[in-house]
Amino acid sequence: MKMKIKKLLGSLVAGTAMLAVAGIASAATTYEANLYGASAQFTFWNLQAVSYIQSQPGCSGATVRQPQFDSADQVNFATCGPNNNTYIIRVSSKASYDGILAVKGDNSLAGSEACTPTTYTDGGVAGNYRLMADETSCGTSGNSCSAQKCVRVNIGASDVAGESFTQTSSGTTNGPAGGAQLTMSFNGISTAGLKYIQPIVVPFQFWVHNDVTNSVSGTGTNKTMSNITRAMAVLLFSGEIAYWDQFGPNFPHLGVTLCLRHAGSGTAATLDYAVVKGNGWGGQLPTSENNPSVAATFSGAYPYIYFNNGTSAEEACVDTVSGAIGYFDADKIVGSTSGPGGTNMDGTNGVPKGYPNTRGIAYQGEYPTAESIGNSRYDFWTNEWAFWNSNDTEMTSGSFAYNFVNNASNAVPASEANFWMLQSNMNVEKTTDQAYLGE
C-alpha cells in the first residue's frame, strides 16, 4: 500500500501570514469572495466563511450574519475592524459540474442561475457569472434574503475531478416532488488551464427512510437499519433489488425506492466510482427514472427510481418516501435537533437537519467520521477540488478570495471536525476518483 506523501502546495497555499488581507487601509473597503458549485460542501464552506471573516484584522469575535436566499444560497458578511471594512462571502450550491463550468466561463448548463452583469470589471465573461444572494436584500436582522444579484464566481467547488463526470440521467427535476423533465449527460469536463487546490476530504454517507428496519441489528425508535455493505449498495444502486427483505427476513417486505442525484453531481460521480462501479468491477447506476407518477417512465414494479437536481430534493425524497435510500454529505446532522429528546441521533443513526424521517447508516460497519476516514477504515469519500481562473483579478495571490479558499488547508471549522479531514492529514490517499485507497 502506498502511504500518502504530504504535498507541498507551493504557491497555492497562502500560509499563516496571509490569513488576513494584508495591511490596513485608511478608508473602509469592501472585500468579497463568491464560491459556487458542489452541494455537499455547502455547510462546510459557510462555516469556513465565518471563521475566515473573524480572522480579519480587528474582527475576532465579530458577529457574522448568515442569511439565505434559499436552502442552497447563503451570504456571510460582517463590518468590523479598525476601518469598518465589510467582508462578504457568498456560498451557493447547484452541483459540482456547474462550479467548474462557471470558472471556465461556460453558462450553457447553468439554467436559472445564469445571468448577465451590467458591467464587467474583473476580466470575466458572461459565462463566469451566476445569481447569488444579494446581501442588500437581507435586512438588518433575520435569516433570509429577498433577492439575488449577478456576481462573478471566483471559486468553483467540485467533489470530483472534471474528467470524472461521465454519468447520464433522465427524469424529473425533483424526483417524487415532480418538476420538468431533465436529461443530463457528460463525457468528462476539461479543467485544462484552471488553477486548483484540494484542501479537504469530502465525506459521504448512505441515508434511509426510518421505516427501513432490521429486527435484529436495527437501532433507535423504529429499529431502523444501521449498516449497509458494499454488496448491498451495489445491488441496490444498480436497480437489482425490488424489496428490502431480499436481504433477509430481518428486513421488512417493503418496496425499495432509490433517491438519486442527476448526472453532474459530484456526489453521484463519487457513488459511481467509489462504490458501485468501483475501480473495475461492480454495477452500473441507472440512467433513467422508474417513476410511478410519470407513466412513460414507469415499469409498474419496484424499485422506484427518482432523480433529483439538488441535495435538498434528494433529502426530501428519502424523508417522504417509504422504503427510500439515498446518499449525501455526512455532515447533515450538524445543527439538527430533530432526533429523540431534541438530539441529532436516533440510536446509532444520525438525523439530518430538517428531515426527521431520515436516518444515516454505517457503510461496511463504519460511520463516516474524520477519525474513521483518516485512519483508512471508511472509503466512501473523495478529495475536494476548488478551481479558479487565472484571468480573475479577484483571485490574485494574497487577495481576500484567494486566501479564503487556501485558508481551508490549515484548519476545519470546529463544528465540522467530526466529519471533515484535511487532505494533508490522511494516512492513505486515493490518487484519482477511480482509484482505491492506496492506489
Protein backbone atom coordinates (compact mmCIF):
# COMPACT_ATOMS: atom_id res chain seq x y z
CA MET A 1 0.00 0.00 0.00
CA LYS A 2 1.39 3.36 -0.94
CA MET A 3 1.38 5.73 2.00
CA LYS A 4 0.35 9.29 1.42
CA ILE A 5 3.16 11.77 0.95
CA LYS A 6 2.06 15.14 2.28
CA LYS A 7 2.08 17.54 -0.61
CA LEU A 8 3.79 20.88 -0.69
CA LEU A 9 1.13 23.16 -2.04
CA GLY A 10 3.75 25.71 -3.04
CA SER A 11 2.34 28.91 -4.44
CA LEU A 12 -1.24 27.68 -3.91
CA VAL A 13 -1.07 27.93 -0.10
CA ALA A 14 -1.02 31.40 1.31
CA GLY A 15 0.42 30.41 4.71
CA THR A 16 -0.49 31.69 8.10
CA ALA A 17 0.89 35.12 7.39
CA MET A 18 -1.72 35.55 4.66
CA LEU A 19 -4.86 34.55 6.57
CA ALA A 20 -5.95 38.17 6.67
CA VAL A 21 -5.92 40.78 3.96
CA ALA A 22 -2.51 42.36 4.13
CA GLY A 23 -2.28 45.85 5.52
CA ILE A 24 -4.88 48.19 6.91
CA ALA A 25 -6.37 50.67 4.51
CA SER A 26 -7.01 54.22 5.57
CA ALA A 27 -10.66 54.06 4.49
CA ALA A 28 -13.38 51.43 4.72
CA THR A 29 -13.11 48.80 1.99
CA THR A 30 -15.43 46.01 0.87
CA TYR A 31 -13.87 42.61 0.24
CA GLU A 32 -15.82 39.82 -1.48
CA ALA A 33 -15.48 36.14 -2.39
CA ASN A 34 -18.00 34.02 -4.31
CA LEU A 35 -17.87 30.22 -4.10
CA TYR A 36 -20.30 28.17 -6.18
CA GLY A 37 -20.87 24.54 -7.11
CA ALA A 38 -20.88 21.37 -5.01
CA SER A 39 -23.93 20.99 -2.79
CA ALA A 40 -22.15 18.52 -0.48
CA GLN A 41 -19.73 21.28 0.50
CA PHE A 42 -22.37 23.93 1.24
CA THR A 43 -22.34 23.63 5.03
CA PHE A 44 -18.56 23.33 5.23
CA TRP A 45 -17.78 26.46 3.22
CA ASN A 46 -20.37 28.58 5.01
CA LEU A 47 -18.83 27.68 8.36
CA GLN A 48 -15.39 28.26 6.91
CA ALA A 49 -16.56 31.71 5.79
CA VAL A 50 -17.43 32.70 9.35
CA SER A 51 -14.02 31.61 10.64
CA TYR A 52 -12.24 33.41 7.83
CA ILE A 53 -14.10 36.69 8.28
CA GLN A 54 -13.38 36.58 12.01
CA SER A 55 -9.66 36.14 11.20
CA GLN A 56 -9.50 39.55 9.51
CA PRO A 57 -7.78 42.42 11.38
CA GLY A 58 -9.85 43.53 14.35
CA CYS A 59 -12.71 41.09 13.54
CA SER A 60 -12.10 38.41 16.14
CA GLY A 61 -15.44 37.74 17.81
CA ALA A 62 -17.36 39.83 15.28
CA THR A 63 -20.95 38.82 14.59
CA VAL A 64 -21.11 37.37 11.09
CA ARG A 65 -24.59 37.34 9.62
CA GLN A 66 -25.54 34.21 7.64
CA PRO A 67 -28.91 34.79 5.91
CA GLN A 68 -30.09 32.67 2.99
CA PHE A 69 -31.97 33.41 -0.20
CA ASP A 70 -32.90 29.72 -0.20
CA SER A 71 -31.52 26.49 1.24
CA ALA A 72 -28.76 26.39 -1.39
CA ASP A 73 -27.74 30.05 -1.43
CA GLN A 74 -26.23 31.83 1.59
CA VAL A 75 -24.31 35.05 2.13
CA ASN A 76 -21.97 35.56 5.10
CA PHE A 77 -20.99 39.12 5.93
CA ALA A 78 -19.79 41.47 8.63
CA THR A 79 -18.49 45.01 9.00
CA CYS A 80 -15.66 45.10 11.51
CA GLY A 81 -12.09 46.06 12.26
CA PRO A 82 -10.42 49.41 12.85
CA ASN A 83 -11.52 50.79 9.48
CA ASN A 84 -15.02 49.26 9.44
CA ASN A 85 -14.22 47.13 6.40
CA THR A 86 -17.04 44.98 5.07
CA TYR A 87 -16.33 41.34 4.30
CA ILE A 88 -18.78 39.37 2.13
CA ILE A 89 -18.56 35.66 1.26
CA ARG A 90 -21.34 34.14 -0.83
CA VAL A 91 -21.69 30.36 -0.98
CA SER A 92 -24.18 28.84 -3.40
CA SER A 93 -24.67 25.21 -4.39
CA LYS A 94 -26.15 23.78 -7.57
CA ALA A 95 -23.92 20.85 -8.46
CA SER A 96 -20.21 20.24 -8.87
CA TYR A 97 -20.27 20.35 -12.67
CA ASP A 98 -21.50 23.96 -12.78
CA GLY A 99 -18.90 25.13 -10.31
CA ILE A 100 -16.26 24.07 -12.84
CA LEU A 101 -18.17 25.49 -15.80
CA ALA A 102 -18.65 28.84 -14.05
CA VAL A 103 -14.94 29.47 -13.55
CA LYS A 104 -14.32 28.26 -17.11
CA GLY A 105 -16.77 30.89 -18.39
CA ASP A 106 -19.48 28.48 -19.59
CA ASN A 107 -23.13 29.01 -18.63
CA SER A 108 -24.64 26.59 -21.15
CA LEU A 109 -25.93 24.29 -18.38
CA ALA A 110 -26.47 26.89 -15.66
CA GLY A 111 -30.24 27.05 -16.12
CA SER A 112 -31.97 29.66 -13.98
CA GLU A 113 -28.70 30.53 -12.20
CA ALA A 114 -27.26 32.07 -15.40
CA CYS A 115 -27.16 35.86 -15.56
CA THR A 116 -25.56 38.75 -17.41
CA PRO A 117 -23.88 41.53 -15.42
CA THR A 118 -24.42 45.17 -16.25
CA THR A 119 -20.65 45.76 -16.29
CA TYR A 120 -17.54 43.60 -16.42
CA THR A 121 -14.86 44.87 -14.08
CA ASP A 122 -12.84 41.76 -13.28
CA GLY A 123 -11.73 40.28 -16.59
CA GLY A 124 -14.66 37.88 -16.84
CA VAL A 125 -17.18 36.93 -19.49
CA ALA A 126 -20.91 36.29 -19.11
CA GLY A 127 -20.32 32.59 -18.52
CA ASN A 128 -18.37 33.35 -15.33
CA TYR A 129 -21.42 34.89 -13.64
CA ARG A 130 -24.20 33.29 -11.59
CA LEU A 131 -27.07 34.57 -9.46
CA MET A 132 -26.16 34.52 -5.76
CA ALA A 133 -27.66 36.02 -2.59
CA ASP A 134 -27.76 39.81 -2.50
CA GLU A 135 -26.71 40.99 0.96
CA THR A 136 -28.52 44.30 0.49
CA SER A 137 -31.83 42.41 0.40
CA CYS A 138 -31.32 40.69 3.74
CA GLY A 139 -32.50 43.46 6.03
CA THR A 140 -30.77 44.40 9.26
CA SER A 141 -31.68 41.19 11.09
CA GLY A 142 -33.18 37.78 10.44
CA ASN A 143 -32.06 34.80 8.40
CA SER A 144 -33.49 35.43 4.94
CA CYS A 145 -32.75 37.48 1.84
CA SER A 146 -35.33 38.51 -0.73
CA ALA A 147 -33.18 38.83 -3.84
CA GLN A 148 -30.11 37.64 -5.71
CA LYS A 149 -27.52 39.57 -7.65
CA CYS A 150 -25.36 38.71 -10.69
CA VAL A 151 -21.79 38.14 -9.47
CA ARG A 152 -18.55 36.69 -10.77
CA VAL A 153 -17.88 33.18 -9.47
CA ASN A 154 -14.36 33.27 -8.05
CA ILE A 155 -14.14 29.68 -6.83
CA GLY A 156 -15.78 26.63 -8.40
CA ALA A 157 -16.24 23.84 -5.84
CA SER A 158 -16.40 20.25 -7.08
CA ASP A 159 -16.41 16.91 -5.28
CA VAL A 160 -14.53 15.21 -8.12
CA ALA A 161 -12.18 15.96 -10.98
CA GLY A 162 -13.87 17.30 -14.11
CA GLU A 163 -12.88 14.18 -16.01
CA SER A 164 -14.97 12.04 -13.61
CA PHE A 165 -18.28 13.41 -14.88
CA THR A 166 -19.18 10.51 -17.16
CA GLN A 167 -22.73 9.79 -15.97
CA THR A 168 -26.12 10.12 -17.65
CA SER A 169 -29.55 10.69 -16.12
CA SER A 170 -33.06 11.32 -17.39
CA GLY A 171 -36.05 12.11 -15.20
CA THR A 172 -37.93 14.77 -13.30
CA THR A 173 -36.10 17.69 -11.75
CA ASN A 174 -37.17 16.98 -8.18
CA GLY A 175 -37.93 13.27 -8.04
CA PRO A 176 -41.19 12.48 -6.22
CA ALA A 177 -41.95 16.20 -5.97
CA GLY A 178 -42.17 16.36 -9.77
CA GLY A 179 -40.93 19.18 -11.93
CA ALA A 180 -39.82 19.40 -15.53
CA GLN A 181 -38.17 16.51 -17.32
CA LEU A 182 -34.39 16.85 -17.36
CA THR A 183 -31.72 14.89 -19.21
CA MET A 184 -28.08 15.33 -18.26
CA SER A 185 -25.15 13.54 -19.90
CA PHE A 186 -21.41 14.06 -19.57
CA ASN A 187 -18.27 12.68 -21.15
CA GLY A 188 -15.89 14.48 -18.82
CA ILE A 189 -15.29 18.20 -18.29
CA SER A 190 -11.86 19.53 -19.19
CA THR A 191 -10.22 21.62 -16.47
CA ALA A 192 -7.14 22.43 -18.53
CA GLY A 193 -5.76 25.86 -17.70
CA LEU A 194 -7.63 26.23 -14.41
CA LYS A 195 -5.81 26.59 -11.11
CA TYR A 196 -6.92 24.47 -8.18
CA ILE A 197 -6.31 23.30 -4.65
CA GLN A 198 -7.50 20.14 -2.85
CA PRO A 199 -7.58 21.15 0.79
CA ILE A 200 -10.13 18.75 2.27
CA VAL A 201 -11.73 15.32 2.03
CA VAL A 202 -15.49 15.22 1.39
CA PRO A 203 -17.30 12.56 3.50
CA PHE A 204 -20.43 10.91 2.13
CA GLN A 205 -23.00 8.67 3.80
CA PHE A 206 -25.96 6.46 2.95
CA TRP A 207 -29.33 7.56 4.36
CA VAL A 208 -32.61 5.66 4.61
CA HIS A 209 -36.23 6.38 5.48
CA ASN A 210 -36.75 5.29 9.07
CA ASP A 211 -39.22 2.54 8.10
CA VAL A 212 -36.37 0.52 6.54
CA THR A 213 -35.87 -1.55 9.67
CA ASN A 214 -33.83 -4.54 10.76
CA SER A 215 -35.45 -6.52 13.56
CA VAL A 216 -32.12 -7.87 14.82
CA SER A 217 -29.47 -5.17 14.33
CA GLY A 218 -31.59 -2.05 13.79
CA THR A 219 -31.40 0.77 16.32
CA GLY A 220 -33.46 3.70 17.55
CA THR A 221 -37.18 4.25 17.94
CA ASN A 222 -38.08 2.33 14.77
CA LYS A 223 -35.15 -0.13 14.82
CA THR A 224 -34.02 1.50 11.57
CA MET A 225 -31.32 -0.49 9.79
CA SER A 226 -27.89 0.66 10.93
CA ASN A 227 -25.46 -0.69 8.33
CA ILE A 228 -25.08 -1.40 4.62
CA THR A 229 -22.35 -3.47 2.97
CA ARG A 230 -20.80 -2.75 -0.41
CA ALA A 231 -22.56 -5.80 -1.87
CA MET A 232 -25.91 -4.40 -0.72
CA ALA A 233 -25.08 -0.92 -2.04
CA VAL A 234 -24.01 -2.21 -5.45
CA LEU A 235 -27.14 -4.31 -5.84
CA LEU A 236 -29.45 -1.55 -4.62
CA PHE A 237 -27.99 1.27 -6.70
CA SER A 238 -27.77 -0.93 -9.79
CA GLY A 239 -31.54 -1.44 -9.54
CA GLU A 240 -31.30 -5.16 -8.79
CA ILE A 241 -33.26 -5.21 -5.50
CA ALA A 242 -37.03 -4.73 -5.53
CA TYR A 243 -37.90 -5.41 -1.87
CA TRP A 244 -35.82 -4.94 1.24
CA ASP A 245 -36.46 -8.47 2.53
CA GLN A 246 -34.41 -9.79 -0.39
CA PHE A 247 -31.56 -9.13 2.06
CA GLY A 248 -33.14 -11.50 4.57
CA PRO A 249 -36.16 -11.95 6.86
CA ASN A 250 -34.93 -9.37 9.37
CA PHE A 251 -35.78 -6.67 6.82
CA PRO A 252 -39.38 -5.63 6.03
CA HIS A 253 -41.29 -6.67 2.92
CA LEU A 254 -41.13 -3.10 1.71
CA GLY A 255 -40.57 -1.84 -1.80
CA VAL A 256 -37.19 -0.21 -2.48
CA THR A 257 -37.06 3.39 -3.67
CA LEU A 258 -33.77 4.84 -4.94
CA CYS A 259 -33.29 8.57 -4.46
CA LEU A 260 -30.52 9.57 -6.85
CA ARG A 261 -28.86 12.79 -7.97
CA HIS A 262 -28.89 13.84 -11.61
CA ALA A 263 -25.67 13.44 -13.59
CA GLY A 264 -23.31 16.36 -12.98
CA SER A 265 -23.48 15.84 -9.23
CA GLY A 266 -20.10 15.18 -7.65
CA THR A 267 -21.87 13.04 -5.07
CA ALA A 268 -23.31 10.85 -7.83
CA ALA A 269 -19.91 10.60 -9.51
CA THR A 270 -18.37 9.54 -6.19
CA LEU A 271 -21.06 6.89 -5.69
CA ASP A 272 -20.37 5.67 -9.22
CA TYR A 273 -16.60 5.33 -8.85
CA ALA A 274 -16.06 4.80 -5.11
CA VAL A 275 -18.88 2.30 -4.53
CA VAL A 276 -21.00 0.99 -7.42
CA LYS A 277 -18.66 0.74 -10.37
CA GLY A 278 -15.54 0.76 -8.26
CA ASN A 279 -12.15 0.51 -9.89
CA GLY A 280 -13.09 -2.17 -12.41
CA TRP A 281 -15.87 -4.33 -11.03
CA GLY A 282 -19.32 -3.78 -9.59
CA GLY A 283 -22.51 -2.50 -11.20
CA GLN A 284 -23.93 0.37 -13.21
CA LEU A 285 -26.01 3.29 -11.96
CA PRO A 286 -29.48 3.66 -13.52
CA THR A 287 -29.72 6.24 -16.29
CA SER A 288 -33.50 6.76 -16.29
CA GLU A 289 -36.28 7.02 -13.72
CA ASN A 290 -38.82 4.40 -12.79
CA ASN A 291 -41.29 6.99 -11.60
CA PRO A 292 -44.87 5.92 -10.73
CA SER A 293 -46.09 9.48 -11.35
CA VAL A 294 -44.80 9.51 -14.94
CA ALA A 295 -46.47 6.75 -16.93
CA ALA A 296 -43.94 6.91 -19.75
CA THR A 297 -41.08 6.02 -17.39
CA PHE A 298 -42.82 3.57 -15.04
CA SER A 299 -42.40 -0.20 -15.31
CA GLY A 300 -45.15 -0.95 -12.82
CA ALA A 301 -42.75 -2.63 -10.41
CA TYR A 302 -40.14 -1.83 -7.77
CA PRO A 303 -37.57 -0.45 -7.36
CA TYR A 304 -38.92 3.04 -7.83
CA ILE A 305 -36.14 5.29 -9.12
CA TYR A 306 -36.14 9.09 -8.78
CA PHE A 307 -33.55 11.61 -9.94
CA ASN A 308 -33.13 14.87 -8.02
CA ASN A 309 -31.43 18.04 -9.23
CA GLY A 310 -30.01 19.04 -5.85
CA THR A 311 -29.17 17.68 -2.42
CA SER A 312 -32.24 19.25 -0.78
CA ALA A 313 -34.52 17.50 -3.28
CA GLU A 314 -32.77 14.18 -2.65
CA GLU A 315 -33.05 14.64 1.11
CA ALA A 316 -36.78 15.30 0.72
CA CYS A 317 -37.07 12.17 -1.43
CA VAL A 318 -35.58 9.96 1.30
CA ASP A 319 -37.58 11.69 4.02
CA THR A 320 -41.00 11.49 2.35
CA VAL A 321 -40.98 8.15 0.52
CA SER A 322 -41.42 4.85 2.35
CA GLY A 323 -38.59 2.37 1.75
CA ALA A 324 -36.25 5.01 0.33
CA ILE A 325 -32.46 5.10 0.34
CA GLY A 326 -30.15 7.86 -0.86
CA TYR A 327 -26.67 9.30 -0.37
CA PHE A 328 -25.40 12.75 0.55
CA ASP A 329 -22.80 14.51 2.68
CA ALA A 330 -22.20 13.09 6.14
CA ASP A 331 -22.35 16.41 7.99
CA LYS A 332 -26.09 16.86 7.52
CA ILE A 333 -26.69 16.22 11.22
CA VAL A 334 -24.77 19.42 12.13
CA GLY A 335 -27.32 21.78 13.67
CA SER A 336 -30.08 19.14 13.82
CA THR A 337 -32.32 18.96 16.87
CA SER A 338 -34.95 16.67 15.39
CA GLY A 339 -33.83 13.38 16.92
CA PRO A 340 -35.32 11.75 20.03
CA GLY A 341 -35.29 14.10 23.00
CA GLY A 342 -34.16 17.00 20.86
CA THR A 343 -30.82 15.41 19.91
CA ASN A 344 -29.49 14.70 16.43
CA MET A 345 -29.25 10.94 16.94
CA ASP A 346 -31.71 8.03 17.00
CA GLY A 347 -29.82 5.07 18.35
CA THR A 348 -26.63 4.88 16.29
CA ASN A 349 -28.25 6.67 13.34
CA GLY A 350 -27.91 10.41 12.73
CA VAL A 351 -30.99 12.53 11.96
CA PRO A 352 -30.29 15.23 9.35
CA LYS A 353 -31.34 18.81 9.98
CA GLY A 354 -34.87 19.42 8.69
CA TYR A 355 -35.59 15.80 7.70
CA PRO A 356 -36.94 13.95 10.77
CA ASN A 357 -37.86 10.69 8.99
CA THR A 358 -34.34 10.14 7.62
CA ARG A 359 -31.54 8.19 9.29
CA GLY A 360 -27.83 7.99 8.46
CA ILE A 361 -26.37 4.49 8.41
CA ALA A 362 -22.93 2.90 8.58
CA TYR A 363 -21.15 1.59 5.48
CA GLN A 364 -19.18 -1.64 5.82
CA GLY A 365 -19.62 -1.35 9.59
CA GLU A 366 -18.09 2.13 9.86
CA TYR A 367 -19.64 5.57 10.24
CA PRO A 368 -18.19 8.49 8.23
CA THR A 369 -16.21 10.23 10.95
CA ALA A 370 -12.98 12.14 10.47
CA GLU A 371 -11.29 9.50 12.62
CA SER A 372 -12.50 6.51 10.57
CA ILE A 373 -11.73 8.29 7.29
CA GLY A 374 -8.30 9.49 8.37
CA ASN A 375 -7.37 6.04 9.64
CA SER A 376 -8.47 4.30 6.43
CA ARG A 377 -11.47 2.31 7.69
CA TYR A 378 -14.12 4.22 5.69
CA ASP A 379 -13.79 4.73 1.95
CA PHE A 380 -16.96 6.48 0.71
CA TRP A 381 -15.24 9.84 0.32
CA THR A 382 -13.46 11.92 -2.27
CA ASN A 383 -10.84 14.63 -2.49
CA GLU A 384 -12.42 18.08 -2.83
CA TRP A 385 -11.46 20.35 -5.72
CA ALA A 386 -11.57 24.14 -5.58
CA PHE A 387 -10.95 25.66 -9.03
CA TRP A 388 -10.35 29.21 -10.16
CA ASN A 389 -9.38 31.01 -13.34
CA SER A 390 -6.13 32.94 -13.62
CA ASN A 391 -7.97 35.70 -15.51
CA ASP A 392 -9.99 36.53 -12.37
CA THR A 393 -8.44 39.66 -10.90
CA GLU A 394 -10.09 38.86 -7.55
CA MET A 395 -8.05 35.62 -7.30
CA THR A 396 -4.54 37.00 -7.41
CA SER A 397 -2.18 35.57 -4.80
CA GLY A 398 -2.80 37.22 -1.42
CA SER A 399 -6.25 38.56 -2.26
CA PHE A 400 -9.24 38.14 0.06
CA ALA A 401 -10.90 35.49 -2.14
CA TYR A 402 -7.64 33.64 -2.81
CA ASN A 403 -6.78 33.44 0.86
CA PHE A 404 -10.30 32.30 1.74
CA VAL A 405 -10.01 29.07 -0.22
CA ASN A 406 -6.38 28.45 0.67
CA ASN A 407 -7.09 29.01 4.36
CA ALA A 408 -9.12 25.78 4.23
CA SER A 409 -5.84 23.85 4.10
CA ASN A 410 -5.00 24.97 7.63
CA ALA A 411 -8.00 24.05 9.78
CA VAL A 412 -11.51 22.57 9.74
CA PRO A 413 -14.30 24.55 11.46
CA ALA A 414 -14.91 23.15 14.95
CA SER A 415 -18.49 22.03 14.26
CA GLU A 416 -17.31 20.11 11.18
CA ALA A 417 -14.27 18.50 12.79
CA ASN A 418 -16.08 15.21 13.47
CA PHE A 419 -16.65 14.71 9.74
CA TRP A 420 -14.16 16.56 7.55
CA MET A 421 -10.45 15.83 7.23
CA LEU A 422 -7.67 17.96 5.88
CA GLN A 423 -6.22 16.10 2.93
CA SER A 424 -2.74 16.65 4.36
CA ASN A 425 -3.71 14.61 7.46
CA MET A 426 -4.85 11.49 5.61
CA ASN A 427 -2.82 8.33 6.27
CA VAL A 428 -3.62 6.83 2.87
CA GLU A 429 -4.81 8.63 -0.24
CA LYS A 430 -6.75 7.99 -3.43
CA THR A 431 -4.69 9.26 -6.33
CA THR A 432 -7.78 9.62 -8.56
CA ASP A 433 -11.55 9.35 -8.17
CA GLN A 434 -11.33 5.92 -9.79
CA ALA A 435 -8.55 4.61 -7.55
CA TYR A 436 -8.98 2.62 -4.36
CA LEU A 437 -7.27 3.51 -1.10
CA GLY A 438 -3.51 3.39 -1.52
CA GLU A 439 -3.56 3.32 -5.30
